[in-house]
Amino acid sequence: MITNRPIAPNKGKKYPAEPLTPAEVGAIIGQCSPKAVTGIRNRAMLTLLYRSGLRVSELLSLRPGDVNFTRHTVRVLHGKGDKATTRGFHPSADDALARWIDTRRELAARNGWPNGKLFCTLGGEPVSDDYVRVLLRRLAAKAGIDKRVHPHGLRHTFADELRAAGVDVVTISKLLGHSSIAVTARYLDHLTNGQAVDALQNVDLPALS
């Protein structure tokens, strides 16, 4: 069925990357209810998005069985270019993700849901990418964050935090599922001159003779 979706006002426009700080991401995710079913789902969804660098399409394609807590990986059957791939997520996402999986299992058993997507509605239907985009904007507004907040921005934030932690660009490229290091370099090319100068102060160079 063909639907006439409204054209987004920013369609075709490119904006500079604007990574969030850990405090800003925490404030956004903190707006999710810790008790409501949708809050538990949204907290897990945004936490995994933030701590894996997955594209929103990859996140929403996951099924419950695609998550491996032992190796901290997810199996993406249809990544970019429709390629199957295995991607990692940071252990800090464990609690939120495990709580949703347990909650989802109970809901599925109670309501007779068929096997479906990991992130689904209360009726068992897949969550849409539009829902995630609107959710992030709404939570950011509630948290008082003025930056442009969107799913791809969490991907940039993940990459930025990895770089700040000293992870090399090759590893970051693999974690993001990029086709080349050149693509990853563009992701990380928002460093200001001031940040570069600050970074230089902490570099251990050979002593001058």
N, C-alpha and C. Protein backbone atom coordinates (compact mmCIF):
# COMPACT_ATOMS: atom_id res chain seq x y z
N MET A 1 0.84 -1.18 0.00
CA MET A 1 0.00 0.00 0.00
C MET A 1 0.88 1.24 0.00
N ILE A 2 0.56 2.20 -0.86
CA ILE A 2 1.32 3.43 -0.97
C ILE A 2 0.68 4.50 -0.11
N THR A 3 1.47 5.15 0.70
CA THR A 3 0.95 6.23 1.54
C THR A 3 1.67 7.51 1.18
N ASN A 4 0.95 8.61 1.22
CA ASN A 4 1.53 9.92 0.93
C ASN A 4 2.02 10.55 2.23
N ARG A 5 3.28 10.32 2.54
CA ARG A 5 3.84 10.88 3.75
C ARG A 5 4.25 12.31 3.51
N PRO A 6 4.05 13.20 4.48
CA PRO A 6 4.43 14.60 4.30
C PRO A 6 5.94 14.73 4.14
N ILE A 7 6.34 15.69 3.35
CA ILE A 7 7.76 15.93 3.12
C ILE A 7 8.32 16.74 4.30
N ALA A 8 9.37 16.22 4.90
CA ALA A 8 9.97 16.91 6.05
C ALA A 8 10.55 18.25 5.61
N PRO A 9 10.42 19.28 6.44
CA PRO A 9 10.94 20.59 6.06
C PRO A 9 12.44 20.63 5.88
N ASN A 10 13.18 19.67 6.47
CA ASN A 10 14.63 19.66 6.34
C ASN A 10 15.11 18.67 5.28
N LYS A 11 14.18 18.12 4.47
CA LYS A 11 14.57 17.15 3.46
C LYS A 11 15.52 17.79 2.45
N GLY A 12 16.62 17.12 2.17
CA GLY A 12 17.59 17.64 1.21
C GLY A 12 18.61 18.58 1.81
N LYS A 13 18.42 18.95 3.07
CA LYS A 13 19.36 19.86 3.73
C LYS A 13 20.37 19.06 4.54
N LYS A 14 21.58 19.59 4.64
CA LYS A 14 22.61 18.96 5.44
C LYS A 14 22.98 19.87 6.60
N TYR A 15 23.06 19.29 7.78
CA TYR A 15 23.41 20.05 8.96
C TYR A 15 24.73 19.52 9.52
N PRO A 16 25.53 20.40 10.14
CA PRO A 16 26.77 19.92 10.75
C PRO A 16 26.47 18.98 11.90
N ALA A 17 27.35 18.01 12.10
CA ALA A 17 27.17 17.07 13.20
C ALA A 17 27.20 17.83 14.52
N GLU A 18 26.33 17.47 15.43
CA GLU A 18 26.25 18.14 16.72
C GLU A 18 26.13 17.09 17.82
N PRO A 19 27.26 16.41 18.12
CA PRO A 19 27.21 15.35 19.13
C PRO A 19 26.69 15.87 20.46
N LEU A 20 26.02 15.00 21.18
CA LEU A 20 25.52 15.34 22.50
C LEU A 20 26.57 15.01 23.56
N THR A 21 26.45 15.62 24.70
CA THR A 21 27.31 15.27 25.82
C THR A 21 26.67 14.08 26.56
N PRO A 22 27.45 13.35 27.35
CA PRO A 22 26.85 12.26 28.14
C PRO A 22 25.71 12.73 29.02
N ALA A 23 25.86 13.94 29.59
CA ALA A 23 24.80 14.48 30.45
C ALA A 23 23.53 14.73 29.66
N GLU A 24 23.68 15.22 28.42
CA GLU A 24 22.50 15.49 27.59
C GLU A 24 21.79 14.20 27.20
N VAL A 25 22.57 13.18 26.83
CA VAL A 25 21.95 11.90 26.49
C VAL A 25 21.25 11.32 27.72
N GLY A 26 21.92 11.42 28.88
CA GLY A 26 21.32 10.93 30.11
C GLY A 26 20.02 11.64 30.44
N ALA A 27 19.99 12.94 30.18
CA ALA A 27 18.78 13.72 30.46
C ALA A 27 17.64 13.31 29.53
N ILE A 28 17.97 13.02 28.28
CA ILE A 28 16.95 12.59 27.30
C ILE A 28 16.38 11.23 27.70
N ILE A 29 17.27 10.27 27.91
CA ILE A 29 16.81 8.92 28.26
C ILE A 29 16.09 8.93 29.61
N GLY A 30 16.52 9.83 30.49
CA GLY A 30 15.90 9.94 31.81
C GLY A 30 14.45 10.40 31.77
N GLN A 31 14.02 10.94 30.64
CA GLN A 31 12.62 11.35 30.49
C GLN A 31 11.70 10.15 30.28
N CYS A 32 12.25 8.99 29.95
CA CYS A 32 11.44 7.78 29.74
C CYS A 32 10.96 7.26 31.10
N SER A 33 9.71 6.91 31.18
CA SER A 33 9.16 6.39 32.43
C SER A 33 9.86 5.08 32.81
N PRO A 34 10.26 4.95 34.09
CA PRO A 34 10.91 3.72 34.52
C PRO A 34 9.93 2.58 34.80
N LYS A 35 8.61 2.88 34.77
CA LYS A 35 7.61 1.89 35.13
C LYS A 35 6.66 1.53 33.99
N ALA A 36 6.26 2.52 33.19
CA ALA A 36 5.33 2.25 32.10
C ALA A 36 5.99 1.36 31.06
N VAL A 37 5.20 0.48 30.45
CA VAL A 37 5.74 -0.45 29.45
C VAL A 37 6.41 0.30 28.31
N THR A 38 5.75 1.36 27.82
CA THR A 38 6.35 2.12 26.72
C THR A 38 7.63 2.81 27.16
N GLY A 39 7.69 3.23 28.42
CA GLY A 39 8.89 3.86 28.94
C GLY A 39 10.05 2.87 29.02
N ILE A 40 9.75 1.65 29.47
CA ILE A 40 10.78 0.61 29.54
C ILE A 40 11.30 0.29 28.14
N ARG A 41 10.37 0.19 27.18
CA ARG A 41 10.77 -0.06 25.78
C ARG A 41 11.60 1.10 25.23
N ASN A 42 11.13 2.32 25.42
CA ASN A 42 11.83 3.48 24.85
C ASN A 42 13.21 3.67 25.46
N ARG A 43 13.31 3.41 26.77
CA ARG A 43 14.62 3.52 27.42
C ARG A 43 15.60 2.50 26.82
N ALA A 44 15.14 1.27 26.61
CA ALA A 44 16.00 0.24 26.02
C ALA A 44 16.35 0.59 24.58
N MET A 45 15.38 1.08 23.85
CA MET A 45 15.58 1.40 22.44
C MET A 45 16.61 2.52 22.26
N LEU A 46 16.47 3.58 23.04
CA LEU A 46 17.39 4.71 22.92
C LEU A 46 18.77 4.39 23.49
N THR A 47 18.79 3.61 24.57
CA THR A 47 20.08 3.22 25.15
C THR A 47 20.87 2.36 24.17
N LEU A 48 20.21 1.41 23.53
CA LEU A 48 20.91 0.56 22.56
C LEU A 48 21.35 1.38 21.36
N LEU A 49 20.51 2.29 20.90
CA LEU A 49 20.87 3.15 19.78
C LEU A 49 22.12 3.96 20.11
N TYR A 50 22.17 4.47 21.32
CA TYR A 50 23.29 5.30 21.78
C TYR A 50 24.56 4.48 22.01
N ARG A 51 24.42 3.29 22.57
CA ARG A 51 25.59 2.51 22.95
C ARG A 51 26.03 1.46 21.92
N SER A 52 25.44 1.52 20.73
CA SER A 52 25.85 0.59 19.66
C SER A 52 26.21 1.32 18.38
N GLY A 53 25.71 2.53 18.20
CA GLY A 53 25.94 3.24 16.94
C GLY A 53 25.15 2.67 15.78
N LEU A 54 24.14 1.88 16.06
CA LEU A 54 23.32 1.32 14.99
C LEU A 54 22.56 2.42 14.26
N ARG A 55 22.32 2.23 12.99
CA ARG A 55 21.39 3.08 12.26
C ARG A 55 20.00 2.75 12.76
N VAL A 56 19.08 3.72 12.71
CA VAL A 56 17.75 3.48 13.24
C VAL A 56 17.05 2.34 12.49
N SER A 57 17.31 2.21 11.20
CA SER A 57 16.71 1.11 10.43
C SER A 57 17.23 -0.23 10.90
N GLU A 58 18.52 -0.28 11.27
CA GLU A 58 19.11 -1.52 11.78
C GLU A 58 18.54 -1.87 13.15
N LEU A 59 18.41 -0.85 13.99
CA LEU A 59 17.85 -1.06 15.33
C LEU A 59 16.45 -1.66 15.25
N LEU A 60 15.62 -1.08 14.38
CA LEU A 60 14.22 -1.50 14.31
C LEU A 60 14.01 -2.81 13.55
N SER A 61 15.07 -3.30 12.90
CA SER A 61 14.97 -4.58 12.21
C SER A 61 15.29 -5.76 13.12
N LEU A 62 15.82 -5.47 14.31
CA LEU A 62 16.24 -6.53 15.23
C LEU A 62 15.06 -7.34 15.75
N ARG A 63 15.31 -8.63 15.97
CA ARG A 63 14.35 -9.52 16.62
C ARG A 63 14.93 -9.92 17.98
N PRO A 64 14.12 -10.38 18.90
CA PRO A 64 14.64 -10.73 20.23
C PRO A 64 15.82 -11.71 20.17
N GLY A 65 15.76 -12.66 19.26
CA GLY A 65 16.83 -13.65 19.18
C GLY A 65 18.12 -13.14 18.58
N ASP A 66 18.12 -11.90 18.09
CA ASP A 66 19.33 -11.34 17.48
C ASP A 66 20.30 -10.78 18.51
N VAL A 67 19.86 -10.71 19.77
CA VAL A 67 20.69 -10.12 20.83
C VAL A 67 21.47 -11.20 21.56
N ASN A 68 22.78 -11.00 21.68
CA ASN A 68 23.65 -11.93 22.39
C ASN A 68 24.32 -11.18 23.54
N PHE A 69 23.85 -11.43 24.76
CA PHE A 69 24.39 -10.72 25.92
C PHE A 69 25.77 -11.23 26.32
N THR A 70 26.09 -12.45 25.96
CA THR A 70 27.40 -13.00 26.31
C THR A 70 28.52 -12.27 25.57
N ARG A 71 28.32 -12.08 24.27
CA ARG A 71 29.34 -11.40 23.45
C ARG A 71 29.04 -9.93 23.25
N HIS A 72 27.88 -9.49 23.72
CA HIS A 72 27.43 -8.11 23.53
C HIS A 72 27.40 -7.76 22.04
N THR A 73 26.66 -8.56 21.31
CA THR A 73 26.51 -8.34 19.89
C THR A 73 25.03 -8.41 19.50
N VAL A 74 24.73 -7.82 18.36
CA VAL A 74 23.42 -7.97 17.75
C VAL A 74 23.63 -8.39 16.30
N ARG A 75 22.72 -9.21 15.82
CA ARG A 75 22.81 -9.69 14.44
C ARG A 75 21.87 -8.85 13.57
N VAL A 76 22.46 -8.10 12.66
CA VAL A 76 21.69 -7.26 11.75
C VAL A 76 21.61 -7.97 10.41
N LEU A 77 20.42 -8.42 10.06
CA LEU A 77 20.26 -9.19 8.82
C LEU A 77 20.23 -8.30 7.58
N HIS A 78 19.79 -7.05 7.77
CA HIS A 78 19.68 -6.17 6.61
C HIS A 78 20.32 -4.82 6.95
N GLY A 79 21.66 -4.82 6.95
CA GLY A 79 22.38 -3.57 7.18
C GLY A 79 22.44 -2.75 5.92
N LYS A 80 23.29 -1.73 5.91
CA LYS A 80 23.39 -0.89 4.73
C LYS A 80 23.84 -1.72 3.54
N GLY A 81 23.20 -1.52 2.39
CA GLY A 81 23.48 -2.34 1.23
C GLY A 81 22.85 -3.71 1.33
N ASP A 82 21.90 -3.84 2.29
CA ASP A 82 21.18 -5.10 2.52
C ASP A 82 22.13 -6.24 2.89
N LYS A 83 23.22 -5.91 3.58
CA LYS A 83 24.20 -6.92 3.98
C LYS A 83 23.95 -7.35 5.42
N ALA A 84 24.07 -8.65 5.66
CA ALA A 84 23.98 -9.18 7.02
C ALA A 84 25.30 -8.91 7.73
N THR A 85 25.21 -8.50 9.00
CA THR A 85 26.42 -8.19 9.74
C THR A 85 26.19 -8.37 11.23
N THR A 86 27.27 -8.53 11.96
CA THR A 86 27.21 -8.62 13.42
C THR A 86 27.85 -7.35 13.98
N ARG A 87 27.13 -6.69 14.87
CA ARG A 87 27.62 -5.44 15.44
C ARG A 87 27.65 -5.55 16.96
N GLY A 88 28.44 -4.72 17.57
CA GLY A 88 28.58 -4.78 19.02
C GLY A 88 27.80 -3.70 19.74
N PHE A 89 27.54 -3.92 21.03
CA PHE A 89 26.99 -2.87 21.86
C PHE A 89 27.72 -2.88 23.19
N HIS A 90 27.80 -1.73 23.82
CA HIS A 90 28.53 -1.60 25.08
C HIS A 90 27.74 -2.25 26.22
N PRO A 91 28.44 -2.89 27.16
CA PRO A 91 27.76 -3.54 28.29
C PRO A 91 26.87 -2.61 29.12
N SER A 92 27.09 -1.30 29.03
CA SER A 92 26.27 -0.36 29.79
C SER A 92 24.82 -0.37 29.34
N ALA A 93 24.54 -0.99 28.19
CA ALA A 93 23.15 -1.09 27.70
C ALA A 93 22.44 -2.33 28.24
N ASP A 94 23.17 -3.19 28.93
CA ASP A 94 22.62 -4.49 29.36
C ASP A 94 21.32 -4.38 30.15
N ASP A 95 21.34 -3.57 31.21
CA ASP A 95 20.20 -3.54 32.12
C ASP A 95 18.92 -3.09 31.44
N ALA A 96 18.99 -1.98 30.71
CA ALA A 96 17.80 -1.46 30.04
C ALA A 96 17.29 -2.43 28.99
N LEU A 97 18.22 -3.04 28.26
CA LEU A 97 17.84 -3.96 27.19
C LEU A 97 17.24 -5.25 27.77
N ALA A 98 17.86 -5.79 28.81
CA ALA A 98 17.36 -7.03 29.41
C ALA A 98 15.99 -6.82 30.03
N ARG A 99 15.78 -5.65 30.63
CA ARG A 99 14.47 -5.39 31.25
C ARG A 99 13.37 -5.35 30.19
N TRP A 100 13.68 -4.73 29.03
CA TRP A 100 12.66 -4.69 27.97
C TRP A 100 12.41 -6.09 27.41
N ILE A 101 13.46 -6.86 27.21
CA ILE A 101 13.29 -8.20 26.65
C ILE A 101 12.42 -9.05 27.58
N ASP A 102 12.64 -8.94 28.90
CA ASP A 102 11.81 -9.68 29.86
C ASP A 102 10.36 -9.19 29.80
N THR A 103 10.19 -7.87 29.74
CA THR A 103 8.84 -7.29 29.68
C THR A 103 8.14 -7.71 28.40
N ARG A 104 8.87 -7.67 27.30
CA ARG A 104 8.31 -8.03 26.01
C ARG A 104 7.89 -9.50 25.98
N ARG A 105 8.70 -10.35 26.59
CA ARG A 105 8.39 -11.79 26.63
C ARG A 105 7.08 -12.03 27.37
N GLU A 106 6.89 -11.33 28.49
CA GLU A 106 5.64 -11.47 29.26
C GLU A 106 4.44 -10.98 28.45
N LEU A 107 4.60 -9.86 27.76
CA LEU A 107 3.52 -9.31 26.94
C LEU A 107 3.17 -10.25 25.79
N ALA A 108 4.20 -10.79 25.18
CA ALA A 108 3.99 -11.68 24.04
C ALA A 108 3.23 -12.94 24.47
N ALA A 109 3.60 -13.50 25.63
CA ALA A 109 2.93 -14.69 26.13
C ALA A 109 1.49 -14.39 26.52
N ARG A 110 1.27 -13.23 27.12
CA ARG A 110 -0.07 -12.86 27.57
C ARG A 110 -1.01 -12.55 26.40
N ASN A 111 -0.47 -11.92 25.35
CA ASN A 111 -1.30 -11.45 24.24
C ASN A 111 -1.22 -12.33 22.99
N GLY A 112 -0.41 -13.38 23.04
CA GLY A 112 -0.32 -14.29 21.91
C GLY A 112 0.32 -13.67 20.68
N TRP A 113 1.32 -12.81 20.91
CA TRP A 113 2.00 -12.20 19.77
C TRP A 113 2.78 -13.25 18.99
N PRO A 114 2.82 -13.14 17.66
CA PRO A 114 3.71 -14.00 16.87
C PRO A 114 5.14 -13.49 17.03
N ASN A 115 6.10 -14.29 16.57
CA ASN A 115 7.48 -13.81 16.60
C ASN A 115 7.58 -12.55 15.74
N GLY A 116 8.16 -11.52 16.30
CA GLY A 116 8.23 -10.25 15.57
C GLY A 116 9.47 -9.48 15.93
N LYS A 117 9.40 -8.18 15.77
CA LYS A 117 10.55 -7.32 16.01
C LYS A 117 10.80 -7.14 17.51
N LEU A 118 12.03 -6.87 17.85
CA LEU A 118 12.40 -6.64 19.24
C LEU A 118 11.66 -5.43 19.81
N PHE A 119 11.65 -4.35 19.06
CA PHE A 119 11.00 -3.14 19.52
C PHE A 119 9.65 -3.00 18.82
N CYS A 120 8.60 -3.19 19.61
CA CYS A 120 7.26 -3.22 19.04
C CYS A 120 6.30 -2.41 19.88
N THR A 121 5.12 -2.17 19.32
CA THR A 121 4.08 -1.43 20.02
C THR A 121 3.39 -2.35 21.03
N LEU A 122 2.45 -1.78 21.77
CA LEU A 122 1.71 -2.59 22.74
C LEU A 122 0.79 -3.59 22.05
N GLY A 123 0.62 -3.44 20.74
CA GLY A 123 -0.17 -4.40 19.98
C GLY A 123 0.69 -5.42 19.26
N GLY A 124 2.03 -5.34 19.48
CA GLY A 124 2.94 -6.30 18.85
C GLY A 124 3.42 -5.90 17.48
N GLU A 125 3.03 -4.70 17.00
CA GLU A 125 3.46 -4.24 15.69
C GLU A 125 4.83 -3.58 15.77
N PRO A 126 5.61 -3.58 14.68
CA PRO A 126 6.93 -2.94 14.72
C PRO A 126 6.84 -1.44 14.99
N VAL A 127 7.80 -0.92 15.75
CA VAL A 127 7.92 0.51 15.95
C VAL A 127 8.47 1.11 14.67
N SER A 128 7.97 2.29 14.28
CA SER A 128 8.42 2.93 13.04
C SER A 128 9.58 3.88 13.30
N ASP A 129 10.37 4.15 12.27
CA ASP A 129 11.48 5.09 12.40
C ASP A 129 10.96 6.51 12.69
N ASP A 130 9.79 6.85 12.15
CA ASP A 130 9.20 8.16 12.43
C ASP A 130 8.90 8.31 13.92
N TYR A 131 8.45 7.23 14.54
CA TYR A 131 8.16 7.27 15.98
C TYR A 131 9.42 7.60 16.76
N VAL A 132 10.55 6.98 16.39
CA VAL A 132 11.80 7.20 17.11
C VAL A 132 12.26 8.65 16.94
N ARG A 133 12.12 9.18 15.74
CA ARG A 133 12.54 10.57 15.49
C ARG A 133 11.71 11.56 16.30
N VAL A 134 10.39 11.36 16.27
CA VAL A 134 9.50 12.25 17.03
C VAL A 134 9.75 12.09 18.53
N LEU A 135 9.96 10.86 18.97
CA LEU A 135 10.23 10.59 20.39
C LEU A 135 11.46 11.35 20.86
N LEU A 136 12.54 11.29 20.09
CA LEU A 136 13.77 11.97 20.49
C LEU A 136 13.58 13.47 20.57
N ARG A 137 12.88 14.04 19.60
CA ARG A 137 12.63 15.49 19.64
C ARG A 137 11.80 15.87 20.87
N ARG A 138 10.79 15.05 21.16
CA ARG A 138 9.92 15.34 22.29
C ARG A 138 10.67 15.24 23.62
N LEU A 139 11.46 14.18 23.77
CA LEU A 139 12.20 13.99 25.02
C LEU A 139 13.27 15.07 25.20
N ALA A 140 13.91 15.46 24.08
CA ALA A 140 14.93 16.51 24.15
C ALA A 140 14.30 17.83 24.59
N ALA A 141 13.11 18.14 24.07
CA ALA A 141 12.42 19.36 24.46
C ALA A 141 12.07 19.33 25.95
N LYS A 142 11.61 18.18 26.43
CA LYS A 142 11.28 18.04 27.86
C LYS A 142 12.52 18.19 28.73
N ALA A 143 13.67 17.74 28.19
CA ALA A 143 14.92 17.82 28.95
C ALA A 143 15.58 19.20 28.83
N GLY A 144 14.99 20.08 28.01
CA GLY A 144 15.53 21.43 27.87
C GLY A 144 16.78 21.52 27.03
N ILE A 145 16.92 20.60 26.07
CA ILE A 145 18.11 20.57 25.21
C ILE A 145 17.80 21.30 23.90
N ASP A 146 18.63 22.28 23.56
CA ASP A 146 18.37 23.11 22.38
C ASP A 146 18.98 22.54 21.10
N LYS A 147 19.87 21.57 21.23
CA LYS A 147 20.50 21.00 20.04
C LYS A 147 19.48 20.25 19.19
N ARG A 148 19.82 20.06 17.92
CA ARG A 148 18.99 19.24 17.04
C ARG A 148 19.25 17.78 17.39
N VAL A 149 18.24 17.12 17.94
CA VAL A 149 18.40 15.74 18.42
C VAL A 149 17.66 14.79 17.50
N HIS A 150 18.36 13.79 16.99
CA HIS A 150 17.78 12.83 16.05
C HIS A 150 18.57 11.52 16.13
N PRO A 151 18.05 10.41 15.60
CA PRO A 151 18.73 9.12 15.74
C PRO A 151 20.16 9.11 15.21
N HIS A 152 20.39 9.74 14.06
CA HIS A 152 21.75 9.72 13.49
C HIS A 152 22.71 10.52 14.36
N GLY A 153 22.16 11.49 15.11
CA GLY A 153 23.00 12.25 16.02
C GLY A 153 23.55 11.38 17.15
N LEU A 154 22.77 10.39 17.58
CA LEU A 154 23.26 9.46 18.60
C LEU A 154 24.39 8.60 18.04
N ARG A 155 24.31 8.31 16.77
CA ARG A 155 25.38 7.55 16.09
C ARG A 155 26.67 8.37 16.08
N HIS A 156 26.54 9.65 15.76
CA HIS A 156 27.70 10.55 15.80
C HIS A 156 28.24 10.66 17.22
N THR A 157 27.35 10.74 18.18
CA THR A 157 27.76 10.86 19.58
C THR A 157 28.54 9.63 20.02
N PHE A 158 28.07 8.45 19.63
CA PHE A 158 28.75 7.20 19.94
C PHE A 158 30.17 7.22 19.37
N ALA A 159 30.31 7.62 18.11
CA ALA A 159 31.62 7.68 17.46
C ALA A 159 32.53 8.68 18.16
N ASP A 160 31.96 9.82 18.54
CA ASP A 160 32.73 10.87 19.19
C ASP A 160 33.25 10.41 20.55
N GLU A 161 32.41 9.68 21.29
CA GLU A 161 32.83 9.19 22.61
C GLU A 161 33.89 8.11 22.49
N LEU A 162 33.78 7.28 21.47
CA LEU A 162 34.80 6.26 21.24
C LEU A 162 36.16 6.91 20.96
N ARG A 163 36.14 7.94 20.11
CA ARG A 163 37.39 8.63 19.80
C ARG A 163 37.97 9.27 21.05
N ALA A 164 37.12 9.92 21.86
CA ALA A 164 37.59 10.57 23.08
C ALA A 164 38.18 9.55 24.05
N ALA A 165 37.69 8.29 23.97
CA ALA A 165 38.20 7.24 24.85
C ALA A 165 39.47 6.61 24.30
N GLY A 166 39.93 7.07 23.14
CA GLY A 166 41.18 6.57 22.58
C GLY A 166 41.04 5.40 21.64
N VAL A 167 39.82 5.07 21.23
CA VAL A 167 39.61 3.96 20.29
C VAL A 167 40.08 4.40 18.91
N ASP A 168 40.83 3.54 18.22
CA ASP A 168 41.37 3.91 16.91
C ASP A 168 40.28 3.94 15.85
N VAL A 169 40.56 4.67 14.78
CA VAL A 169 39.56 4.92 13.74
C VAL A 169 39.15 3.64 13.02
N VAL A 170 40.06 2.67 12.90
CA VAL A 170 39.72 1.41 12.24
C VAL A 170 38.65 0.66 13.04
N THR A 171 38.84 0.61 14.35
CA THR A 171 37.87 -0.06 15.22
C THR A 171 36.53 0.68 15.21
N ILE A 172 36.58 2.00 15.27
CA ILE A 172 35.34 2.79 15.22
C ILE A 172 34.60 2.52 13.91
N SER A 173 35.34 2.44 12.82
CA SER A 173 34.74 2.18 11.51
C SER A 173 34.01 0.84 11.50
N LYS A 174 34.63 -0.18 12.08
CA LYS A 174 34.01 -1.51 12.13
C LYS A 174 32.76 -1.49 13.02
N LEU A 175 32.85 -0.81 14.14
CA LEU A 175 31.72 -0.76 15.07
C LEU A 175 30.52 -0.05 14.45
N LEU A 176 30.78 0.95 13.61
CA LEU A 176 29.70 1.69 12.97
C LEU A 176 29.16 0.98 11.73
N GLY A 177 29.87 -0.04 11.27
CA GLY A 177 29.43 -0.74 10.07
C GLY A 177 29.69 0.06 8.81
N HIS A 178 30.74 0.89 8.82
CA HIS A 178 31.06 1.70 7.65
C HIS A 178 31.78 0.86 6.59
N SER A 179 31.63 1.27 5.35
CA SER A 179 32.26 0.55 4.25
C SER A 179 33.73 0.89 4.12
N SER A 180 34.15 2.02 4.67
CA SER A 180 35.56 2.42 4.57
C SER A 180 35.90 3.37 5.71
N ILE A 181 37.21 3.49 5.98
CA ILE A 181 37.67 4.40 7.02
C ILE A 181 37.41 5.85 6.61
N ALA A 182 37.41 6.11 5.31
CA ALA A 182 37.17 7.47 4.82
C ALA A 182 35.80 7.98 5.28
N VAL A 183 34.81 7.10 5.29
CA VAL A 183 33.47 7.48 5.75
C VAL A 183 33.52 7.83 7.23
N THR A 184 34.24 7.01 8.00
CA THR A 184 34.35 7.26 9.44
C THR A 184 35.07 8.58 9.70
N ALA A 185 36.09 8.87 8.91
CA ALA A 185 36.84 10.12 9.09
C ALA A 185 35.92 11.32 8.92
N ARG A 186 34.97 11.24 8.00
CA ARG A 186 34.02 12.33 7.81
C ARG A 186 33.13 12.47 9.05
N TYR A 187 32.80 11.35 9.67
CA TYR A 187 31.99 11.38 10.89
C TYR A 187 32.71 12.15 11.99
N LEU A 188 34.01 12.00 12.02
CA LEU A 188 34.80 12.56 13.11
C LEU A 188 35.42 13.90 12.75
N ASP A 189 34.99 14.47 11.63
CA ASP A 189 35.62 15.70 11.13
C ASP A 189 34.91 16.96 11.62
N HIS A 190 34.35 16.93 12.82
CA HIS A 190 33.71 18.12 13.37
C HIS A 190 34.51 18.69 14.54
N LEU A 191 35.74 18.19 14.72
CA LEU A 191 36.60 18.67 15.79
C LEU A 191 37.00 20.12 15.52
N THR A 192 36.81 21.00 16.47
CA THR A 192 37.17 22.40 16.29
C THR A 192 38.66 22.60 16.54
N ASN A 193 39.19 23.72 16.10
CA ASN A 193 40.61 24.01 16.32
C ASN A 193 40.91 24.07 17.82
N GLY A 194 39.98 24.64 18.57
CA GLY A 194 40.18 24.72 20.02
C GLY A 194 40.27 23.36 20.67
N GLN A 195 39.41 22.43 20.21
CA GLN A 195 39.45 21.06 20.75
C GLN A 195 40.75 20.37 20.36
N ALA A 196 41.24 20.65 19.15
CA ALA A 196 42.49 20.05 18.70
C ALA A 196 43.66 20.56 19.54
N VAL A 197 43.66 21.84 19.84
CA VAL A 197 44.72 22.42 20.67
C VAL A 197 44.67 21.83 22.08
N ASP A 198 43.46 21.68 22.63
CA ASP A 198 43.32 21.07 23.96
C ASP A 198 43.85 19.64 23.95
N ALA A 199 43.55 18.89 22.89
CA ALA A 199 44.00 17.50 22.80
C ALA A 199 45.52 17.42 22.75
N LEU A 200 46.14 18.39 22.11
CA LEU A 200 47.60 18.39 21.98
C LEU A 200 48.28 18.46 23.33
N GLN A 201 47.64 19.12 24.30
CA GLN A 201 48.26 19.27 25.62
C GLN A 201 48.46 17.93 26.32
N ASN A 202 47.65 16.94 25.92
CA ASN A 202 47.71 15.63 26.59
C ASN A 202 48.49 14.58 25.82
N VAL A 203 49.10 14.99 24.70
CA VAL A 203 49.87 14.04 23.89
C VAL A 203 51.28 13.91 24.44
N ASP A 204 51.73 12.68 24.60
CA ASP A 204 53.07 12.42 25.13
C ASP A 204 54.04 12.29 23.97
N LEU A 205 54.72 13.36 23.60
CA LEU A 205 55.66 13.35 22.48
C LEU A 205 57.07 13.07 23.00
N PRO A 206 57.98 12.60 22.12
CA PRO A 206 59.37 12.36 22.53
C PRO A 206 60.02 13.64 23.03
N ALA A 207 60.87 13.52 24.03
CA ALA A 207 61.54 14.70 24.57
C ALA A 207 62.53 15.28 23.58
N LEU A 208 62.69 16.59 23.61
CA LEU A 208 63.68 17.25 22.75
C LEU A 208 65.07 17.04 23.34
N SER A 209 66.01 16.78 22.47
CA SER A 209 67.38 16.57 22.97
C SER A 209 68.08 17.91 23.21
